[in-house]
C-alpha atoms as a PDB file:
ATOM      1  CA  MET A   1     -23.741 -25.503   5.681  1.00  0.00           C
ATOM      2  CA  LEU A   2     -22.378 -22.140   4.516  1.00  0.00           C
ATOM      3  CA  THR A   3     -20.409 -22.608   1.180  1.00  0.00           C
ATOM      4  CA  LEU A   4     -19.431 -19.185  -0.273  1.00  0.00           C
ATOM      5  CA  THR A   5     -16.014 -17.892   0.371  1.00  0.00           C
ATOM      6  CA  SER A   6     -15.188 -14.317   1.051  1.00  0.00           C
ATOM      7  CA  THR A   7     -14.008 -14.194  -2.642  1.00  0.00           C
ATOM      8  CA  GLY A   8     -17.331 -15.538  -3.806  1.00  0.00           C
ATOM      9  CA  ILE A   9     -19.225 -12.828  -1.939  1.00  0.00           C
ATOM     10  CA  GLN A  10     -16.701 -10.118  -3.244  1.00  0.00           C
ATOM     11  CA  LYS A  11     -17.376 -11.227  -6.784  1.00  0.00           C
ATOM     12  CA  GLN A  12     -21.097 -10.896  -6.324  1.00  0.00           C
ATOM     13  CA  VAL A  13     -20.718  -7.324  -5.130  1.00  0.00           C
ATOM     14  CA  ASN A  14     -18.364  -6.602  -8.029  1.00  0.00           C
ATOM     15  CA  ARG A  15     -20.968  -8.106 -10.568  1.00  0.00           C
ATOM     16  CA  LEU A  16     -23.712  -5.852  -9.118  1.00  0.00           C
ATOM     17  CA  LYS A  17     -21.389  -2.813  -9.230  1.00  0.00           C
ATOM     18  CA  ASN A  18     -20.401  -3.520 -12.877  1.00  0.00           C
ATOM     19  CA  SER A  19     -24.010  -3.995 -13.995  1.00  0.00           C
ATOM     20  CA  ILE A  20     -25.527  -0.639 -12.766  1.00  0.00           C
ATOM     21  CA  ASN A  21     -26.095   1.858 -15.657  1.00  0.00           C
ATOM     22  CA  HIS A  22     -28.317   4.855 -14.464  1.00  0.00           C
ATOM     23  CA  ALA A  23     -31.203   5.898 -12.121  1.00  0.00           C
ATOM     24  CA  THR A  24     -34.649   6.909 -12.792  1.00  0.00           C
ATOM     25  CA  TYR A  25     -37.156   8.931 -10.699  1.00  0.00           C
ATOM     26  CA  MET A  26     -40.755  10.181 -11.084  1.00  0.00           C
ATOM     27  CA  LEU A  27     -41.013  14.005 -10.751  1.00  0.00           C
ATOM     28  CA  GLY A  28     -44.798  14.331 -10.375  1.00  0.00           C
ATOM     29  CA  SER A  29     -46.005  11.922 -13.099  1.00  0.00           C
ATOM     30  CA  VAL A  30     -43.067  12.378 -15.489  1.00  0.00           C
ATOM     31  CA  GLN A  31     -40.155   9.832 -15.366  1.00  0.00           C
ATOM     32  CA  HIS A  32     -36.648  11.340 -15.546  1.00  0.00           C
ATOM     33  CA  THR A  33     -33.193   9.810 -15.845  1.00  0.00           C
ATOM     34  CA  ALA A  34     -30.280  10.628 -13.410  1.00  0.00           C
ATOM     35  CA  ALA A  35     -26.644   9.632 -13.395  1.00  0.00           C
ATOM     36  CA  ILE A  36     -25.200   7.386 -10.638  1.00  0.00           C
ATOM     37  CA  ALA A  37     -23.215   9.938  -8.574  1.00  0.00           C
ATOM     38  CA  LYS A  38     -20.942   7.245  -7.106  1.00  0.00           C
ATOM     39  CA  ILE A  39     -20.741   3.603  -6.103  1.00  0.00           C
ATOM     40  CA  GLU A  40     -18.746   2.643  -3.004  1.00  0.00           C
ATOM     41  CA  SER A  41     -18.240  -1.066  -2.044  1.00  0.00           C
ATOM     42  CA  THR A  42     -16.404  -3.315   0.458  1.00  0.00           C
ATOM     43  CA  ALA A  43     -16.020  -6.957   0.449  1.00  0.00           C
ATOM     44  CA  SER A  44     -19.584  -7.736   1.033  1.00  0.00           C
ATOM     45  CA  THR A  45     -21.511  -4.194   0.888  1.00  0.00           C
ATOM     46  CA  ILE A  46     -22.303  -1.975  -1.831  1.00  0.00           C
ATOM     47  CA  GLN A  47     -23.698   1.600  -1.714  1.00  0.00           C
ATOM     48  CA  ILE A  48     -25.238   3.322  -4.869  1.00  0.00           C
ATOM     49  CA  PHE A  49     -25.655   6.937  -4.626  1.00  0.00           C
ATOM     50  CA  VAL A  50     -28.144   8.956  -6.740  1.00  0.00           C
ATOM     51  CA  LEU A  51     -27.978  12.776  -6.567  1.00  0.00           C
ATOM     52  CA  LEU A  52     -30.819  14.859  -7.495  1.00  0.00           C
ATOM     53  CA  ASP A  53     -29.130  18.387  -7.730  1.00  0.00           C
ATOM     54  CA  ASP A  54     -30.611  21.717  -7.019  1.00  0.00           C
ATOM     55  CA  THR A  55     -32.211  21.933 -10.428  1.00  0.00           C
ATOM     56  CA  VAL A  56     -34.611  19.191  -9.441  1.00  0.00           C
ATOM     57  CA  THR A  57     -37.587  20.349  -7.298  1.00  0.00           C
ATOM     58  CA  GLY A  58     -41.073  19.096  -6.548  1.00  0.00           C
ATOM     59  CA  THR A  59     -42.651  15.690  -5.606  1.00  0.00           C
ATOM     60  CA  ILE A  60     -40.291  12.930  -6.112  1.00  0.00           C
ATOM     61  CA  SER A  61     -41.163   9.275  -5.980  1.00  0.00           C
ATOM     62  CA  ASN A  62     -39.849   5.910  -7.241  1.00  0.00           C
ATOM     63  CA  ILE A  63     -36.158   6.376  -7.440  1.00  0.00           C
ATOM     64  CA  SER A  64     -34.983   3.292  -9.305  1.00  0.00           C
ATOM     65  CA  ILE A  65     -31.724   1.767 -10.199  1.00  0.00           C
ATOM     66  CA  VAL A  66     -31.464   0.442 -13.737  1.00  0.00           C
ATOM     67  CA  ASP A  67     -28.821  -2.105 -15.073  1.00  0.00           C
ATOM     68  CA  ASN A  68     -27.089  -2.423 -18.244  1.00  0.00           C
ATOM     69  CA  ASP A  69     -29.821  -4.507 -19.566  1.00  0.00           C
ATOM     70  CA  GLY A  70     -32.422  -1.899 -18.981  1.00  0.00           C
ATOM     71  CA  ASP A  71     -33.986  -3.747 -16.278  1.00  0.00           C
ATOM     72  CA  VAL A  72     -35.019  -2.033 -12.893  1.00  0.00           C
ATOM     73  CA  ILE A  73     -33.190  -3.784 -10.193  1.00  0.00           C
ATOM     74  CA  ALA A  74     -34.184  -1.742  -7.179  1.00  0.00           C
ATOM     75  CA  VAL A  75     -36.911   0.864  -6.374  1.00  0.00           C
ATOM     76  CA  SER A  76     -37.189   3.151  -3.441  1.00  0.00           C
ATOM     77  CA  ALA A  77     -41.058   3.573  -3.412  1.00  0.00           C
ATOM     78  CA  ARG A  78     -41.057   6.444  -1.006  1.00  0.00           C
ATOM     79  CA  GLN A  79     -42.255   9.944  -1.939  1.00  0.00           C
ATOM     80  CA  PHE A  80     -41.099  13.147  -0.822  1.00  0.00           C
ATOM     81  CA  VAL A  81     -41.012  16.981  -1.842  1.00  0.00           C
ATOM     82  CA  LYS A  82     -37.715  18.152  -2.714  1.00  0.00           C
ATOM     83  CA  PRO A  83     -36.831  21.729  -2.474  1.00  0.00           C
ATOM     84  CA  ALA A  84     -34.574  23.621  -4.874  1.00  0.00           C
ATOM     85  CA  LEU A  85     -32.193  24.944  -2.558  1.00  0.00           C
ATOM     86  CA  ARG A  86     -29.677  22.130  -2.470  1.00  0.00           C
ATOM     87  CA  GLY A  87     -29.062  18.634  -3.753  1.00  0.00           C
ATOM     88  CA  LEU A  88     -30.177  15.335  -2.186  1.00  0.00           C
ATOM     89  CA  TYR A  89     -28.489  12.055  -2.277  1.00  0.00           C
ATOM     90  CA  SER A  90     -30.616   8.828  -2.366  1.00  0.00           C
ATOM     91  CA  VAL A  91     -28.517   5.891  -1.095  1.00  0.00           C
ATOM     92  CA  PHE A  92     -29.172   2.258  -1.834  1.00  0.00           C
ATOM     93  CA  THR A  93     -27.269   0.073   0.463  1.00  0.00           C
ATOM     94  CA  TYR A  94     -27.024  -3.682   0.182  1.00  0.00           C
ATOM     95  CA  ASN A  95     -25.031  -6.315   2.307  1.00  0.00           C
ATOM     96  CA  PHE A  96     -24.283  -9.621   0.720  1.00  0.00           C
ATOM     97  CA  THR A  97     -24.227 -12.524   3.046  1.00  0.00           C
ATOM     98  CA  GLU A  98     -25.110 -16.192   2.492  1.00  0.00           C
ATOM     99  CA  ALA A  99     -28.083 -17.595   4.255  1.00  0.00           C
ATOM    100  CA  GLU A 100     -28.279 -21.171   5.468  1.00  0.00           C
ATOM    101  CA  GLY A 101     -31.408 -22.842   4.681  1.00  0.00           C
ATOM    102  CA  THR A 102     -33.351 -26.003   3.659  1.00  0.00           C
ATOM    103  CA  ASP A 103     -36.430 -24.336   2.085  1.00  0.00           C
ATOM    104  CA  ILE A 104     -35.315 -24.825  -1.558  1.00  0.00           C
END
């Protein structure tokens, strides 16, 4: 039986949105900090945009989202080479739904 209302789901989206502090990424073997460029949300979906601008160039990996407590709450473990010619967005997208189950 599903029990969350649309208000309950929206509040979970807002709690996540309000807890996001910054991003980190590895440039080669050195960790760097990046600001969150923007956060967009709907009633059940959140998108977190991290911008690596044209000053960042080289092998990028492990773009992470860090919350206000300093905890890493999401990691994109992919690796790629970013050229200096333009900026690049990395977008984290999450859809909140309630799953019905009895495996608890």
